[in-house]
Amino acid sequence: MSRSGIWYTKNISIKNSVLQAPKLFRRASHIILDSVHFADAEETMWTCDDIKITNSQINGDYFGKDSKNIYLDNVSVVGNYVFDGAENIEVHNSTFVSKDAFWNCKNVTIYNSIIDGEY
């Protein structure tokens, strides 16, 4: 539950866990998350590189801002401004409930997914 807990980390893998703190990942790289529930992912995963998230739930605004090389499969995201300014994103079988999702992004490919948002 540590706020701002995993910054500047390389090569981390987390499975079958609940993460409950905002601003959890910043400037980290080579991140693998599987079956993770982010209860409060506000301003999490900022300026990160090489991210793989599978079978997970994410709740919080501004998730993934300015991150790159992202792969998602079977992920549910509820929160506004998701992946603002991110690049090289590949998404499969996922759901986004987000106002302004994928703004200012480059190279985004989404397969078999739902985006439900205002803009």
C-alpha atoms as a PDB file:
ATOM      1  CA  MET A   1       0.000   0.000   0.000  1.00  0.00           C
ATOM      2  CA  SER A   2       3.027   2.283  -0.233  1.00  0.00           C
ATOM      3  CA  ARG A   3       2.372   5.496  -2.158  1.00  0.00           C
ATOM      4  CA  SER A   4       4.967   6.025  -4.899  1.00  0.00           C
ATOM      5  CA  GLY A   5       6.470   2.659  -4.069  1.00  0.00           C
ATOM      6  CA  ILE A   6       8.000   1.230  -7.271  1.00  0.00           C
ATOM      7  CA  TRP A   7       9.970   3.908  -9.094  1.00  0.00           C
ATOM      8  CA  TYR A   8      13.104   3.487 -11.236  1.00  0.00           C
ATOM      9  CA  THR A   9      12.796  -0.314 -11.086  1.00  0.00           C
ATOM     10  CA  LYS A  10      13.894  -2.675 -13.876  1.00  0.00           C
ATOM     11  CA  ASN A  11      12.834  -6.272 -14.507  1.00  0.00           C
ATOM     12  CA  ILE A  12       9.921  -6.724 -12.130  1.00  0.00           C
ATOM     13  CA  SER A  13       7.200  -9.377 -12.271  1.00  0.00           C
ATOM     14  CA  ILE A  14       4.110  -9.391 -10.030  1.00  0.00           C
ATOM     15  CA  LYS A  15       1.434 -12.110 -10.128  1.00  0.00           C
ATOM     16  CA  ASN A  16      -1.803 -12.840  -8.238  1.00  0.00           C
ATOM     17  CA  SER A  17      -1.624  -9.645  -6.195  1.00  0.00           C
ATOM     18  CA  VAL A  18      -3.642  -6.613  -5.112  1.00  0.00           C
ATOM     19  CA  LEU A  19      -1.892  -3.253  -5.434  1.00  0.00           C
ATOM     20  CA  GLN A  20      -3.630  -0.492  -3.495  1.00  0.00           C
ATOM     21  CA  ALA A  21      -1.481   2.627  -3.769  1.00  0.00           C
ATOM     22  CA  PRO A  22      -1.558   5.542  -6.229  1.00  0.00           C
ATOM     23  CA  LYS A  23       1.538   6.586  -8.192  1.00  0.00           C
ATOM     24  CA  LEU A  24       2.909   3.075  -7.831  1.00  0.00           C
ATOM     25  CA  PHE A  25       5.094   2.720 -10.965  1.00  0.00           C
ATOM     26  CA  ARG A  26       7.167   5.591 -12.410  1.00  0.00           C
ATOM     27  CA  ARG A  27      10.144   5.501 -14.769  1.00  0.00           C
ATOM     28  CA  ALA A  28      10.313   1.710 -14.433  1.00  0.00           C
ATOM     29  CA  SER A  29      11.004  -0.754 -17.247  1.00  0.00           C
ATOM     30  CA  HIS A  30      10.569  -4.422 -18.165  1.00  0.00           C
ATOM     31  CA  ILE A  31       7.376  -4.818 -16.116  1.00  0.00           C
ATOM     32  CA  ILE A  32       5.271  -8.002 -16.186  1.00  0.00           C
ATOM     33  CA  LEU A  33       1.967  -8.036 -14.314  1.00  0.00           C
ATOM     34  CA  ASP A  34      -0.428 -11.007 -14.364  1.00  0.00           C
ATOM     35  CA  SER A  35      -3.681 -11.365 -12.410  1.00  0.00           C
ATOM     36  CA  VAL A  36      -3.161  -8.078 -10.621  1.00  0.00           C
ATOM     37  CA  HIS A  37      -5.872  -5.783  -9.248  1.00  0.00           C
ATOM     38  CA  PHE A  38      -4.959  -2.110  -8.997  1.00  0.00           C
ATOM     39  CA  ALA A  39      -7.477  -0.802  -6.473  1.00  0.00           C
ATOM     40  CA  ASP A  40      -6.173   2.792  -6.768  1.00  0.00           C
ATOM     41  CA  ALA A  41      -4.020   3.218  -9.864  1.00  0.00           C
ATOM     42  CA  GLU A  42      -4.264   7.004 -10.009  1.00  0.00           C
ATOM     43  CA  GLU A  43      -1.173   8.410 -11.759  1.00  0.00           C
ATOM     44  CA  THR A  44       0.382   4.938 -11.954  1.00  0.00           C
ATOM     45  CA  MET A  45       2.692   3.567 -14.663  1.00  0.00           C
ATOM     46  CA  TRP A  46       4.010   6.968 -15.769  1.00  0.00           C
ATOM     47  CA  THR A  47       6.964   7.191 -18.148  1.00  0.00           C
ATOM     48  CA  CYS A  48       7.529   3.437 -18.043  1.00  0.00           C
ATOM     49  CA  ASP A  49       8.870   1.213 -20.824  1.00  0.00           C
ATOM     50  CA  ASP A  50       8.273  -2.408 -21.867  1.00  0.00           C
ATOM     51  CA  ILE A  51       5.056  -3.214 -20.002  1.00  0.00           C
ATOM     52  CA  LYS A  52       3.082  -6.456 -20.248  1.00  0.00           C
ATOM     53  CA  ILE A  53      -0.198  -6.687 -18.311  1.00  0.00           C
ATOM     54  CA  THR A  54      -2.503  -9.717 -18.536  1.00  0.00           C
ATOM     55  CA  ASN A  55      -5.675 -10.878 -16.763  1.00  0.00           C
ATOM     56  CA  SER A  56      -5.814  -7.747 -14.612  1.00  0.00           C
ATOM     57  CA  GLN A  57      -8.103  -4.959 -13.345  1.00  0.00           C
ATOM     58  CA  ILE A  58      -7.025  -1.340 -13.177  1.00  0.00           C
ATOM     59  CA  ASN A  59      -8.981   1.440 -11.431  1.00  0.00           C
ATOM     60  CA  GLY A  60      -7.693   5.016 -11.514  1.00  0.00           C
ATOM     61  CA  ASP A  61      -7.218   8.164 -13.571  1.00  0.00           C
ATOM     62  CA  TYR A  62      -4.131   8.949 -15.672  1.00  0.00           C
ATOM     63  CA  PHE A  63      -2.889   5.353 -15.862  1.00  0.00           C
ATOM     64  CA  GLY A  64       0.053   4.798 -18.235  1.00  0.00           C
ATOM     65  CA  LYS A  65       0.811   8.437 -19.048  1.00  0.00           C
ATOM     66  CA  ASP A  66       3.790   8.882 -21.395  1.00  0.00           C
ATOM     67  CA  SER A  67       4.709   5.181 -21.274  1.00  0.00           C
ATOM     68  CA  LYS A  68       5.815   3.103 -24.264  1.00  0.00           C
ATOM     69  CA  ASN A  69       5.995  -0.444 -25.596  1.00  0.00           C
ATOM     70  CA  ILE A  70       2.853  -1.685 -23.863  1.00  0.00           C
ATOM     71  CA  TYR A  71       1.072  -5.025 -24.321  1.00  0.00           C
ATOM     72  CA  LEU A  72      -2.310  -5.721 -22.667  1.00  0.00           C
ATOM     73  CA  ASP A  73      -4.445  -8.875 -22.828  1.00  0.00           C
ATOM     74  CA  ASN A  74      -7.664  -9.457 -20.885  1.00  0.00           C
ATOM     75  CA  VAL A  75      -7.373  -6.208 -18.935  1.00  0.00           C
ATOM     76  CA  SER A  76     -10.191  -4.058 -17.556  1.00  0.00           C
ATOM     77  CA  VAL A  77      -9.425  -0.367 -17.071  1.00  0.00           C
ATOM     78  CA  VAL A  78     -11.796   2.046 -15.327  1.00  0.00           C
ATOM     79  CA  GLY A  79     -10.380   5.562 -15.127  1.00  0.00           C
ATOM     80  CA  ASN A  80     -10.079   8.719 -17.170  1.00  0.00           C
ATOM     81  CA  TYR A  81      -7.199   9.869 -19.389  1.00  0.00           C
ATOM     82  CA  VAL A  82      -5.767   6.366 -19.786  1.00  0.00           C
ATOM     83  CA  PHE A  83      -2.429   6.173 -21.688  1.00  0.00           C
ATOM     84  CA  ASP A  84      -2.288   9.893 -22.492  1.00  0.00           C
ATOM     85  CA  GLY A  85       0.863  10.486 -24.557  1.00  0.00           C
ATOM     86  CA  ALA A  86       1.822   6.803 -24.680  1.00  0.00           C
ATOM     87  CA  GLU A  87       3.203   4.985 -27.717  1.00  0.00           C
ATOM     88  CA  ASN A  88       3.527   1.510 -29.192  1.00  0.00           C
ATOM     89  CA  ILE A  89       0.460  -0.003 -27.538  1.00  0.00           C
ATOM     90  CA  GLU A  90      -1.063  -3.381 -28.424  1.00  0.00           C
ATOM     91  CA  VAL A  91      -4.327  -4.382 -26.735  1.00  0.00           C
ATOM     92  CA  HIS A  92      -6.283  -7.665 -26.909  1.00  0.00           C
ATOM     93  CA  ASN A  93      -9.606  -8.728 -25.326  1.00  0.00           C
ATOM     94  CA  SER A  94      -9.782  -5.740 -23.000  1.00  0.00           C
ATOM     95  CA  THR A  95     -12.289  -3.151 -21.785  1.00  0.00           C
ATOM     96  CA  PHE A  96     -11.741   0.556 -21.167  1.00  0.00           C
ATOM     97  CA  VAL A  97     -14.239   2.807 -19.413  1.00  0.00           C
ATOM     98  CA  SER A  98     -12.398   6.073 -19.774  1.00  0.00           C
ATOM     99  CA  LYS A  99     -12.966   9.640 -20.828  1.00  0.00           C
ATOM    100  CA  ASP A 100     -10.214  10.782 -23.214  1.00  0.00           C
ATOM    101  CA  ALA A 101      -8.515   7.382 -23.563  1.00  0.00           C
ATOM    102  CA  PHE A 102      -5.427   7.190 -25.809  1.00  0.00           C
ATOM    103  CA  TRP A 103      -5.077  10.932 -26.361  1.00  0.00           C
ATOM    104  CA  ASN A 104      -1.796  12.116 -27.878  1.00  0.00           C
ATOM    105  CA  CYS A 105      -0.754   8.502 -28.522  1.00  0.00           C
ATOM    106  CA  LYS A 106       1.319   7.010 -31.332  1.00  0.00           C
ATOM    107  CA  ASN A 107       1.061   3.529 -32.828  1.00  0.00           C
ATOM    108  CA  VAL A 108      -1.950   2.031 -31.016  1.00  0.00           C
ATOM    109  CA  THR A 109      -3.513  -1.268 -32.157  1.00  0.00           C
ATOM    110  CA  ILE A 110      -6.600  -2.649 -30.406  1.00  0.00           C
ATOM    111  CA  TYR A 111      -8.137  -6.086 -31.057  1.00  0.00           C
ATOM    112  CA  ASN A 112     -11.458  -7.545 -29.816  1.00  0.00           C
ATOM    113  CA  SER A 113     -11.869  -4.883 -27.135  1.00  0.00           C
ATOM    114  CA  ILE A 114     -14.358  -2.268 -25.919  1.00  0.00           C
ATOM    115  CA  ILE A 115     -13.716   1.422 -25.369  1.00  0.00           C
ATOM    116  CA  ASP A 116     -16.555   3.191 -23.581  1.00  0.00           C
ATOM    117  CA  GLY A 117     -15.874   6.886 -23.078  1.00  0.00           C
ATOM    118  CA  GLU A 118     -16.968  10.434 -23.625  1.00  0.00           C
ATOM    119  CA  TYR A 119     -14.376  11.545 -26.175  1.00  0.00           C
END
